[in-house]
Amino acid sequence: MQQVARYNSLEFPCDFTFKVVGAARADLIDDVVQTVHKTIKGDYTPTMKESGKGTYHSVSIKVRADNIEQIETLYKTLAEIKGVRMVL
């Protein structure tokens, strides 16, 4: 319930951007898009940035969420991707 309270100010449907930070690997961006597609279908144009030392990649992806459950599901499933360190 605390999680839901944090998003009380959101009005659905709404755009919501996730930033996924993980170990540097070429297919991280593909894994993020595939994971998002399982919860929210759509055409996505994520962006990826490399850390200064090249150790990590961050992938930002904007979704159109219809409810809080979709956002919570994506936080959980994106965090389960191989090599992911955090989801913001």
PDB file of N, CA and C in Angstrom:
ATOM      1  N   MET A   1       0.800  -1.194   0.000  1.00  0.00           N
ATOM      2  CA  MET A   1       0.000   0.000   0.000  1.00  0.00           C
ATOM      3  C   MET A   1       0.847   1.262   0.000  1.00  0.00           C
ATOM      4  N   GLN A   2       2.012   1.257   0.638  1.00  0.00           N
ATOM      5  CA  GLN A   2       2.864   2.435   0.642  1.00  0.00           C
ATOM      6  C   GLN A   2       3.283   2.801  -0.771  1.00  0.00           C
ATOM      7  N   GLN A   3       3.576   1.799  -1.599  1.00  0.00           N
ATOM      8  CA  GLN A   3       3.950   2.052  -2.985  1.00  0.00           C
ATOM      9  C   GLN A   3       2.864   2.840  -3.689  1.00  0.00           C
ATOM     10  N   VAL A   4       1.621   2.437  -3.555  1.00  0.00           N
ATOM     11  CA  VAL A   4       0.510   3.096  -4.227  1.00  0.00           C
ATOM     12  C   VAL A   4       0.389   4.535  -3.753  1.00  0.00           C
ATOM     13  N   ALA A   5       0.560   4.786  -2.468  1.00  0.00           N
ATOM     14  CA  ALA A   5       0.450   6.138  -1.924  1.00  0.00           C
ATOM     15  C   ALA A   5       1.466   7.075  -2.563  1.00  0.00           C
ATOM     16  N   ARG A   6       2.609   6.551  -2.918  1.00  0.00           N
ATOM     17  CA  ARG A   6       3.661   7.361  -3.526  1.00  0.00           C
ATOM     18  C   ARG A   6       3.222   7.923  -4.878  1.00  0.00           C
ATOM     19  N   TYR A   7       2.313   7.254  -5.548  1.00  0.00           N
ATOM     20  CA  TYR A   7       1.895   7.666  -6.892  1.00  0.00           C
ATOM     21  C   TYR A   7       0.488   8.260  -6.916  1.00  0.00           C
ATOM     22  N   ASN A   8      -0.030   8.679  -5.770  1.00  0.00           N
ATOM     23  CA  ASN A   8      -1.378   9.233  -5.705  1.00  0.00           C
ATOM     24  C   ASN A   8      -1.571  10.437  -6.614  1.00  0.00           C
ATOM     25  N   SER A   9      -0.498  11.179  -6.891  1.00  0.00           N
ATOM     26  CA  SER A   9      -0.630  12.382  -7.711  1.00  0.00           C
ATOM     27  C   SER A   9      -0.736  12.066  -9.209  1.00  0.00           C
ATOM     28  N   LEU A  10      -0.513  10.825  -9.597  1.00  0.00           N
ATOM     29  CA  LEU A  10      -0.605  10.452 -11.009  1.00  0.00           C
ATOM     30  C   LEU A  10      -2.064  10.295 -11.418  1.00  0.00           C
ATOM     31  N   GLU A  11      -2.368  10.780 -12.610  1.00  0.00           N
ATOM     32  CA  GLU A  11      -3.694  10.581 -13.189  1.00  0.00           C
ATOM     33  C   GLU A  11      -3.527   9.689 -14.414  1.00  0.00           C
ATOM     34  N   PHE A  12      -4.292   8.622 -14.455  1.00  0.00           N
ATOM     35  CA  PHE A  12      -4.148   7.634 -15.521  1.00  0.00           C
ATOM     36  C   PHE A  12      -5.206   7.824 -16.587  1.00  0.00           C
ATOM     37  N   PRO A  13      -4.850   7.524 -17.836  1.00  0.00           N
ATOM     38  CA  PRO A  13      -3.538   7.091 -18.321  1.00  0.00           C
ATOM     39  C   PRO A  13      -2.531   8.237 -18.263  1.00  0.00           C
ATOM     40  N   CYS A  14      -1.245   7.875 -18.148  1.00  0.00           N
ATOM     41  CA  CYS A  14      -0.184   8.885 -18.105  1.00  0.00           C
ATOM     42  C   CYS A  14       1.103   8.327 -18.704  1.00  0.00           C
ATOM     43  N   ASP A  15       1.964   9.247 -19.137  1.00  0.00           N
ATOM     44  CA  ASP A  15       3.294   8.866 -19.599  1.00  0.00           C
ATOM     45  C   ASP A  15       4.181   8.705 -18.370  1.00  0.00           C
ATOM     46  N   PHE A  16       5.014   7.677 -18.390  1.00  0.00           N
ATOM     47  CA  PHE A  16       5.891   7.396 -17.258  1.00  0.00           C
ATOM     48  C   PHE A  16       7.221   6.910 -17.826  1.00  0.00           C
ATOM     49  N   THR A  17       8.312   7.517 -17.387  1.00  0.00           N
ATOM     50  CA  THR A  17       9.636   7.146 -17.892  1.00  0.00           C
ATOM     51  C   THR A  17      10.376   6.310 -16.864  1.00  0.00           C
ATOM     52  N   PHE A  18      10.902   5.182 -17.326  1.00  0.00           N
ATOM     53  CA  PHE A  18      11.748   4.322 -16.508  1.00  0.00           C
ATOM     54  C   PHE A  18      13.183   4.485 -16.962  1.00  0.00           C
ATOM     55  N   LYS A  19      14.109   4.456 -16.017  1.00  0.00           N
ATOM     56  CA  LYS A  19      15.528   4.421 -16.339  1.00  0.00           C
ATOM     57  C   LYS A  19      16.078   3.131 -15.749  1.00  0.00           C
ATOM     58  N   VAL A  20      16.631   2.295 -16.609  1.00  0.00           N
ATOM     59  CA  VAL A  20      17.149   0.997 -16.205  1.00  0.00           C
ATOM     60  C   VAL A  20      18.671   1.047 -16.323  1.00  0.00           C
ATOM     61  N   VAL A  21      19.365   0.813 -15.207  1.00  0.00           N
ATOM     62  CA  VAL A  21      20.825   0.852 -15.180  1.00  0.00           C
ATOM     63  C   VAL A  21      21.337  -0.564 -14.993  1.00  0.00           C
ATOM     64  N   GLY A  22      22.218  -0.974 -15.896  1.00  0.00           N
ATOM     65  CA  GLY A  22      22.734  -2.329 -15.809  1.00  0.00           C
ATOM     66  C   GLY A  22      24.142  -2.448 -16.358  1.00  0.00           C
ATOM     67  N   ALA A  23      24.724  -3.615 -16.179  1.00  0.00           N
ATOM     68  CA  ALA A  23      26.049  -3.892 -16.707  1.00  0.00           C
ATOM     69  C   ALA A  23      26.045  -3.667 -18.217  1.00  0.00           C
ATOM     70  N   ALA A  24      27.120  -3.098 -18.721  1.00  0.00           N
ATOM     71  CA  ALA A  24      27.211  -2.780 -20.139  1.00  0.00           C
ATOM     72  C   ALA A  24      27.151  -4.058 -20.977  1.00  0.00           C
ATOM     73  N   ARG A  25      26.151  -4.108 -21.852  1.00  0.00           N
ATOM     74  CA  ARG A  25      26.033  -5.194 -22.819  1.00  0.00           C
ATOM     75  C   ARG A  25      25.135  -4.720 -23.948  1.00  0.00           C
ATOM     76  N   ALA A  26      25.423  -5.171 -25.139  1.00  0.00           N
ATOM     77  CA  ALA A  26      24.758  -4.678 -26.345  1.00  0.00           C
ATOM     78  C   ALA A  26      23.252  -4.942 -26.351  1.00  0.00           C
ATOM     79  N   ASP A  27      22.813  -6.041 -25.761  1.00  0.00           N
ATOM     80  CA  ASP A  27      21.393  -6.392 -25.861  1.00  0.00           C
ATOM     81  C   ASP A  27      20.544  -5.919 -24.679  1.00  0.00           C
ATOM     82  N   LEU A  28      21.082  -5.093 -23.806  1.00  0.00           N
ATOM     83  CA  LEU A  28      20.301  -4.584 -22.680  1.00  0.00           C
ATOM     84  C   LEU A  28      19.078  -3.815 -23.171  1.00  0.00           C
ATOM     85  N   ILE A  29      19.261  -2.976 -24.153  1.00  0.00           N
ATOM     86  CA  ILE A  29      18.143  -2.170 -24.658  1.00  0.00           C
ATOM     87  C   ILE A  29      17.037  -3.065 -25.227  1.00  0.00           C
ATOM     88  N   ASP A  30      17.418  -4.146 -25.915  1.00  0.00           N
ATOM     89  CA  ASP A  30      16.429  -5.088 -26.454  1.00  0.00           C
ATOM     90  C   ASP A  30      15.675  -5.800 -25.333  1.00  0.00           C
ATOM     91  N   ASP A  31      16.393  -6.186 -24.294  1.00  0.00           N
ATOM     92  CA  ASP A  31      15.751  -6.860 -23.160  1.00  0.00           C
ATOM     93  C   ASP A  31      14.761  -5.933 -22.461  1.00  0.00           C
ATOM     94  N   VAL A  32      15.106  -4.652 -22.352  1.00  0.00           N
ATOM     95  CA  VAL A  32      14.197  -3.685 -21.726  1.00  0.00           C
ATOM     96  C   VAL A  32      12.924  -3.559 -22.552  1.00  0.00           C
ATOM     97  N   VAL A  33      13.058  -3.407 -23.864  1.00  0.00           N
ATOM     98  CA  VAL A  33      11.879  -3.259 -24.729  1.00  0.00           C
ATOM     99  C   VAL A  33      11.014  -4.514 -24.671  1.00  0.00           C
ATOM    100  N   GLN A  34      11.612  -5.691 -24.732  1.00  0.00           N
ATOM    101  CA  GLN A  34      10.847  -6.935 -24.673  1.00  0.00           C
ATOM    102  C   GLN A  34      10.103  -7.071 -23.351  1.00  0.00           C
ATOM    103  N   THR A  35      10.742  -6.679 -22.265  1.00  0.00           N
ATOM    104  CA  THR A  35      10.118  -6.755 -20.953  1.00  0.00           C
ATOM    105  C   THR A  35       8.936  -5.796 -20.852  1.00  0.00           C
ATOM    106  N   VAL A  36       9.105  -4.586 -21.346  1.00  0.00           N
ATOM    107  CA  VAL A  36       8.018  -3.602 -21.323  1.00  0.00           C
ATOM    108  C   VAL A  36       6.849  -4.098 -22.166  1.00  0.00           C
ATOM    109  N   HIS A  37       7.142  -4.675 -23.335  1.00  0.00           N
ATOM    110  CA  HIS A  37       6.088  -5.169 -24.235  1.00  0.00           C
ATOM    111  C   HIS A  37       5.208  -6.232 -23.591  1.00  0.00           C
ATOM    112  N   LYS A  38       5.750  -6.984 -22.653  1.00  0.00           N
ATOM    113  CA  LYS A  38       4.953  -8.011 -21.985  1.00  0.00           C
ATOM    114  C   LYS A  38       3.850  -7.405 -21.126  1.00  0.00           C
ATOM    115  N   THR A  39       4.060  -6.159 -20.662  1.00  0.00           N
ATOM    116  CA  THR A  39       3.085  -5.501 -19.794  1.00  0.00           C
ATOM    117  C   THR A  39       2.275  -4.444 -20.538  1.00  0.00           C
ATOM    118  N   ILE A  40       2.961  -3.647 -21.374  1.00  0.00           N
ATOM    119  CA  ILE A  40       2.301  -2.570 -22.109  1.00  0.00           C
ATOM    120  C   ILE A  40       2.762  -2.607 -23.559  1.00  0.00           C
ATOM    121  N   LYS A  41       1.862  -2.968 -24.452  1.00  0.00           N
ATOM    122  CA  LYS A  41       2.191  -3.003 -25.878  1.00  0.00           C
ATOM    123  C   LYS A  41       2.369  -1.575 -26.398  1.00  0.00           C
ATOM    124  N   GLY A  42       3.239  -1.419 -27.389  1.00  0.00           N
ATOM    125  CA  GLY A  42       3.439  -0.103 -27.977  1.00  0.00           C
ATOM    126  C   GLY A  42       4.708  -0.053 -28.806  1.00  0.00           C
ATOM    127  N   ASP A  43       4.893   1.071 -29.486  1.00  0.00           N
ATOM    128  CA  ASP A  43       6.114   1.318 -30.245  1.00  0.00           C
ATOM    129  C   ASP A  43       7.008   2.193 -29.384  1.00  0.00           C
ATOM    130  N   TYR A  44       8.165   1.688 -29.039  1.00  0.00           N
ATOM    131  CA  TYR A  44       9.054   2.384 -28.119  1.00  0.00           C
ATOM    132  C   TYR A  44      10.341   2.809 -28.800  1.00  0.00           C
ATOM    133  N   THR A  45      10.829   3.969 -28.400  1.00  0.00           N
ATOM    134  CA  THR A  45      12.112   4.470 -28.888  1.00  0.00           C
ATOM    135  C   THR A  45      12.984   4.798 -27.679  1.00  0.00           C
ATOM    136  N   PRO A  46      13.504   3.769 -27.018  1.00  0.00           N
ATOM    137  CA  PRO A  46      14.331   4.001 -25.834  1.00  0.00           C
ATOM    138  C   PRO A  46      15.668   4.630 -26.217  1.00  0.00           C
ATOM    139  N   THR A  47      16.289   5.273 -25.253  1.00  0.00           N
ATOM    140  CA  THR A  47      17.623   5.824 -25.457  1.00  0.00           C
ATOM    141  C   THR A  47      18.580   5.126 -24.501  1.00  0.00           C
ATOM    142  N   MET A  48      19.830   5.009 -24.929  1.00  0.00           N
ATOM    143  CA  MET A  48      20.822   4.356 -24.088  1.00  0.00           C
ATOM    144  C   MET A  48      22.060   5.247 -23.976  1.00  0.00           C
ATOM    145  N   LYS A  49      22.578   5.341 -22.750  1.00  0.00           N
ATOM    146  CA  LYS A  49      23.805   6.081 -22.495  1.00  0.00           C
ATOM    147  C   LYS A  49      24.790   5.154 -21.815  1.00  0.00           C
ATOM    148  N   GLU A  50      26.059   5.376 -22.106  1.00  0.00           N
ATOM    149  CA  GLU A  50      27.127   4.580 -21.510  1.00  0.00           C
ATOM    150  C   GLU A  50      27.755   5.380 -20.372  1.00  0.00           C
ATOM    151  N   SER A  51      28.156   4.699 -19.302  1.00  0.00           N
ATOM    152  CA  SER A  51      28.827   5.379 -18.200  1.00  0.00           C
ATOM    153  C   SER A  51      30.206   5.841 -18.645  1.00  0.00           C
ATOM    154  N   GLY A  52      30.799   6.730 -17.887  1.00  0.00           N
ATOM    155  CA  GLY A  52      32.108   7.291 -18.230  1.00  0.00           C
ATOM    156  C   GLY A  52      33.184   6.251 -18.460  1.00  0.00           C
ATOM    157  N   LYS A  53      33.203   5.220 -17.666  1.00  0.00           N
ATOM    158  CA  LYS A  53      34.200   4.152 -17.810  1.00  0.00           C
ATOM    159  C   LYS A  53      33.722   3.033 -18.725  1.00  0.00           C
ATOM    160  N   GLY A  54      32.464   3.115 -19.169  1.00  0.00           N
ATOM    161  CA  GLY A  54      31.925   2.086 -20.056  1.00  0.00           C
ATOM    162  C   GLY A  54      31.482   0.828 -19.342  1.00  0.00           C
ATOM    163  N   THR A  55      31.418   0.865 -18.024  1.00  0.00           N
ATOM    164  CA  THR A  55      31.051  -0.309 -17.239  1.00  0.00           C
ATOM    165  C   THR A  55      29.549  -0.555 -17.232  1.00  0.00           C
ATOM    166  N   TYR A  56      28.778   0.535 -17.291  1.00  0.00           N
ATOM    167  CA  TYR A  56      27.323   0.443 -17.204  1.00  0.00           C
ATOM    168  C   TYR A  56      26.640   1.134 -18.382  1.00  0.00           C
ATOM    169  N   HIS A  57      25.437   0.685 -18.666  1.00  0.00           N
ATOM    170  CA  HIS A  57      24.555   1.344 -19.626  1.00  0.00           C
ATOM    171  C   HIS A  57      23.290   1.744 -18.884  1.00  0.00           C
ATOM    172  N   SER A  58      22.730   2.885 -19.256  1.00  0.00           N
ATOM    173  CA  SER A  58      21.411   3.254 -18.728  1.00  0.00           C
ATOM    174  C   SER A  58      20.465   3.387 -19.908  1.00  0.00           C
ATOM    175  N   VAL A  59      19.320   2.764 -19.767  1.00  0.00           N
ATOM    176  CA  VAL A  59      18.304   2.782 -20.814  1.00  0.00           C
ATOM    177  C   VAL A  59      17.090   3.530 -20.269  1.00  0.00           C
ATOM    178  N   SER A  60      16.673   4.577 -20.979  1.00  0.00           N
ATOM    179  CA  SER A  60      15.461   5.315 -20.615  1.00  0.00           C
ATOM    180  C   SER A  60      14.373   4.959 -21.609  1.00  0.00           C
ATOM    181  N   ILE A  61      13.191   4.662 -21.078  1.00  0.00           N
ATOM    182  CA  ILE A  61      12.070   4.282 -21.933  1.00  0.00           C
ATOM    183  C   ILE A  61      10.783   4.881 -21.372  1.00  0.00           C
ATOM    184  N   LYS A  62      10.023   5.539 -22.228  1.00  0.00           N
ATOM    185  CA  LYS A  62       8.759   6.161 -21.825  1.00  0.00           C
ATOM    186  C   LYS A  62       7.614   5.257 -22.241  1.00  0.00           C
ATOM    187  N   VAL A  63       6.704   5.011 -21.289  1.00  0.00           N
ATOM    188  CA  VAL A  63       5.536   4.165 -21.542  1.00  0.00           C
ATOM    189  C   VAL A  63       4.268   4.970 -21.266  1.00  0.00           C
ATOM    190  N   ARG A  64       3.171   4.492 -21.796  1.00  0.00           N
ATOM    191  CA  ARG A  64       1.851   5.076 -21.523  1.00  0.00           C
ATOM    192  C   ARG A  64       1.118   4.087 -20.626  1.00  0.00           C
ATOM    193  N   ALA A  65       1.080   4.377 -19.336  1.00  0.00           N
ATOM    194  CA  ALA A  65       0.480   3.461 -18.364  1.00  0.00           C
ATOM    195  C   ALA A  65      -0.995   3.778 -18.156  1.00  0.00           C
ATOM    196  N   ASP A  66      -1.806   2.731 -18.067  1.00  0.00           N
ATOM    197  CA  ASP A  66      -3.238   2.880 -17.835  1.00  0.00           C
ATOM    198  C   ASP A  66      -3.612   2.797 -16.355  1.00  0.00           C
ATOM    199  N   ASN A  67      -2.690   2.237 -15.538  1.00  0.00           N
ATOM    200  CA  ASN A  67      -2.983   2.087 -14.111  1.00  0.00           C
ATOM    201  C   ASN A  67      -1.691   1.881 -13.325  1.00  0.00           C
ATOM    202  N   ILE A  68      -1.776   2.004 -12.023  1.00  0.00           N
ATOM    203  CA  ILE A  68      -0.614   1.887 -11.148  1.00  0.00           C
ATOM    204  C   ILE A  68      -0.033   0.474 -11.156  1.00  0.00           C
ATOM    205  N   GLU A  69      -0.872  -0.519 -11.374  1.00  0.00           N
ATOM    206  CA  GLU A  69      -0.406  -1.901 -11.384  1.00  0.00           C
ATOM    207  C   GLU A  69       0.609  -2.126 -12.510  1.00  0.00           C
ATOM    208  N   GLN A  70       0.401  -1.488 -13.647  1.00  0.00           N
ATOM    209  CA  GLN A  70       1.357  -1.624 -14.749  1.00  0.00           C
ATOM    210  C   GLN A  70       2.717  -1.048 -14.350  1.00  0.00           C
ATOM    211  N   ILE A  71       2.722   0.085 -13.678  1.00  0.00           N
ATOM    212  CA  ILE A  71       3.979   0.699 -13.255  1.00  0.00           C
ATOM    213  C   ILE A  71       4.690  -0.191 -12.240  1.00  0.00           C
ATOM    214  N   GLU A  72       3.961  -0.694 -11.276  1.00  0.00           N
ATOM    215  CA  GLU A  72       4.559  -1.562 -10.261  1.00  0.00           C
ATOM    216  C   GLU A  72       5.092  -2.856 -10.872  1.00  0.00           C
ATOM    217  N   THR A  73       4.345  -3.422 -11.808  1.00  0.00           N
ATOM    218  CA  THR A  73       4.798  -4.641 -12.491  1.00  0.00           C
ATOM    219  C   THR A  73       6.086  -4.381 -13.252  1.00  0.00           C
ATOM    220  N   LEU A  74       6.163  -3.251 -13.934  1.00  0.00           N
ATOM    221  CA  LEU A  74       7.377  -2.946 -14.705  1.00  0.00           C
ATOM    222  C   LEU A  74       8.578  -2.714 -13.798  1.00  0.00           C
ATOM    223  N   TYR A  75       8.404  -2.043 -12.673  1.00  0.00           N
ATOM    224  CA  TYR A  75       9.529  -1.900 -11.739  1.00  0.00           C
ATOM    225  C   TYR A  75      10.076  -3.273 -11.360  1.00  0.00           C
ATOM    226  N   LYS A  76       9.186  -4.206 -11.079  1.00  0.00           N
ATOM    227  CA  LYS A  76       9.608  -5.548 -10.652  1.00  0.00           C
ATOM    228  C   LYS A  76      10.266  -6.321 -11.796  1.00  0.00           C
ATOM    229  N   THR A  77       9.611  -6.358 -12.957  1.00  0.00           N
ATOM    230  CA  THR A  77      10.126  -7.187 -14.048  1.00  0.00           C
ATOM    231  C   THR A  77      11.381  -6.591 -14.685  1.00  0.00           C
ATOM    232  N   LEU A  78      11.480  -5.276 -14.743  1.00  0.00           N
ATOM    233  CA  LEU A  78      12.698  -4.660 -15.283  1.00  0.00           C
ATOM    234  C   LEU A  78      13.891  -4.945 -14.371  1.00  0.00           C
ATOM    235  N   ALA A  79      13.665  -4.962 -13.069  1.00  0.00           N
ATOM    236  CA  ALA A  79      14.742  -5.251 -12.115  1.00  0.00           C
ATOM    237  C   ALA A  79      15.238  -6.689 -12.229  1.00  0.00           C
ATOM    238  N   GLU A  80      14.425  -7.578 -12.797  1.00  0.00           N
ATOM    239  CA  GLU A  80      14.800  -8.987 -12.931  1.00  0.00           C
ATOM    240  C   GLU A  80      15.627  -9.282 -14.181  1.00  0.00           C
ATOM    241  N   ILE A  81      15.825  -8.293 -15.039  1.00  0.00           N
ATOM    242  CA  ILE A  81      16.628  -8.497 -16.249  1.00  0.00           C
ATOM    243  C   ILE A  81      18.076  -8.763 -15.847  1.00  0.00           C
ATOM    244  N   LYS A  82      18.691  -9.688 -16.540  1.00  0.00           N
ATOM    245  CA  LYS A  82      20.092 -10.070 -16.254  1.00  0.00           C
ATOM    246  C   LYS A  82      21.003  -8.839 -16.278  1.00  0.00           C
ATOM    247  N   GLY A  83      21.747  -8.652 -15.204  1.00  0.00           N
ATOM    248  CA  GLY A  83      22.737  -7.587 -15.138  1.00  0.00           C
ATOM    249  C   GLY A  83      22.206  -6.237 -14.673  1.00  0.00           C
ATOM    250  N   VAL A  84      20.902  -6.105 -14.488  1.00  0.00           N
ATOM    251  CA  VAL A  84      20.335  -4.815 -14.064  1.00  0.00           C
ATOM    252  C   VAL A  84      20.683  -4.556 -12.611  1.00  0.00           C
ATOM    253  N   ARG A  85      21.170  -3.343 -12.334  1.00  0.00           N
ATOM    254  CA  ARG A  85      21.562  -2.949 -10.990  1.00  0.00           C
ATOM    255  C   ARG A  85      20.466  -2.135 -10.296  1.00  0.00           C
ATOM    256  N   MET A  86      19.730  -1.318 -11.076  1.00  0.00           N
ATOM    257  CA  MET A  86      18.643  -0.525 -10.489  1.00  0.00           C
ATOM    258  C   MET A  86      17.677  -0.054 -11.547  1.00  0.00           C
ATOM    259  N   VAL A  87      16.454   0.224 -11.098  1.00  0.00           N
ATOM    260  CA  VAL A  87      15.411   0.761 -11.965  1.00  0.00           C
ATOM    261  C   VAL A  87      14.891   2.014 -11.282  1.00  0.00           C
ATOM    262  N   LEU A  88      14.948   3.111 -12.009  1.00  0.00           N
ATOM    263  CA  LEU A  88      14.494   4.404 -11.468  1.00  0.00           C
ATOM    264  C   LEU A  88      13.274   4.872 -12.225  1.00  0.00           C
TER     265      LEU A  88
END
